Amino acid sequence: MDKLALLLVIIGAINWGLIGFFQFDLVAAIFGGQTAALSRLIYGLVGLAGLYSIKFLVGERRVDS
């Protein structure tokens, strides 16, 4: 689950970078526009992955010896 969340967060970050630098929404371009059901699903999954990934920021760190 952690790797899937990380993958979705990376996809979201790349998409936001493309929007910021080039005004190009890759997810919308691939899946039929920002309001298309599949695009909204991807946006929602990326958002959930971002929320899930908060645990990496505030979670306990283990030190293996």
Protein backbone atom coordinates (compact mmCIF):
# COMPACT_ATOMS: atom_id res chain seq x y z
CA MET A 1 0.00 0.00 0.00
CA ASP A 2 2.87 2.37 0.79
CA LYS A 3 4.41 1.98 -2.67
CA LEU A 4 1.06 2.51 -4.39
CA ALA A 5 0.47 5.67 -2.36
CA LEU A 6 3.97 6.91 -3.19
CA LEU A 7 3.43 6.22 -6.89
CA LEU A 8 0.18 8.18 -6.89
CA VAL A 9 1.77 11.07 -5.00
CA ILE A 10 4.58 11.16 -7.57
CA ILE A 11 2.04 11.18 -10.42
CA GLY A 12 0.25 14.06 -8.72
CA ALA A 13 3.48 15.97 -8.20
CA ILE A 14 4.49 15.56 -11.84
CA ASN A 15 1.04 16.66 -12.97
CA TRP A 16 1.16 19.77 -10.73
CA GLY A 17 4.64 20.56 -12.04
CA LEU A 18 3.39 20.36 -15.61
CA ILE A 19 0.44 22.59 -14.74
CA GLY A 20 2.67 25.10 -12.99
CA PHE A 21 5.40 25.32 -15.60
CA PHE A 22 3.54 24.64 -18.84
CA GLN A 23 -0.19 25.04 -18.06
CA PHE A 24 -0.65 21.44 -19.22
CA ASP A 25 -2.78 18.97 -17.24
CA LEU A 26 -1.47 15.54 -18.25
CA VAL A 27 -4.18 13.62 -16.40
CA ALA A 28 -6.91 15.62 -18.14
CA ALA A 29 -5.19 15.20 -21.50
CA ILE A 30 -4.95 11.43 -21.13
CA PHE A 31 -8.35 10.74 -19.60
CA GLY A 32 -10.64 13.16 -21.43
CA GLY A 33 -10.67 16.46 -19.58
CA GLN A 34 -10.82 17.60 -15.98
CA THR A 35 -14.49 16.77 -15.56
CA ALA A 36 -14.33 13.29 -17.11
CA ALA A 37 -15.18 10.53 -14.66
CA LEU A 38 -11.82 8.77 -15.08
CA SER A 39 -9.88 12.01 -14.53
CA ARG A 40 -11.89 12.73 -11.40
CA LEU A 41 -11.17 9.20 -10.18
CA ILE A 42 -7.43 9.71 -10.70
CA TYR A 43 -7.54 13.11 -8.95
CA GLY A 44 -9.43 11.53 -6.06
CA LEU A 45 -6.98 8.63 -5.75
CA VAL A 46 -4.03 11.04 -5.82
CA GLY A 47 -5.69 13.08 -3.08
CA LEU A 48 -6.32 10.01 -0.93
CA ALA A 49 -2.73 8.89 -1.49
CA GLY A 50 -1.54 12.30 -0.32
CA LEU A 51 -3.60 12.01 2.85
CA TYR A 52 -2.35 8.46 3.41
CA SER A 53 1.25 9.64 2.92
CA ILE A 54 0.99 12.04 5.85
CA LYS A 55 1.87 9.03 7.98
CA PHE A 56 5.37 9.10 6.47
CA LEU A 57 5.81 12.67 7.68
CA VAL A 58 4.55 12.18 11.24
CA GLY A 59 5.08 8.45 11.74
CA GLU A 60 7.59 6.77 13.96
CA ARG A 61 11.04 6.14 12.59
CA ARG A 62 12.64 2.80 13.31
CA VAL A 63 16.36 2.45 13.61
CA ASP A 64 17.61 -0.97 12.56
CA SER A 65 20.90 -2.02 14.09
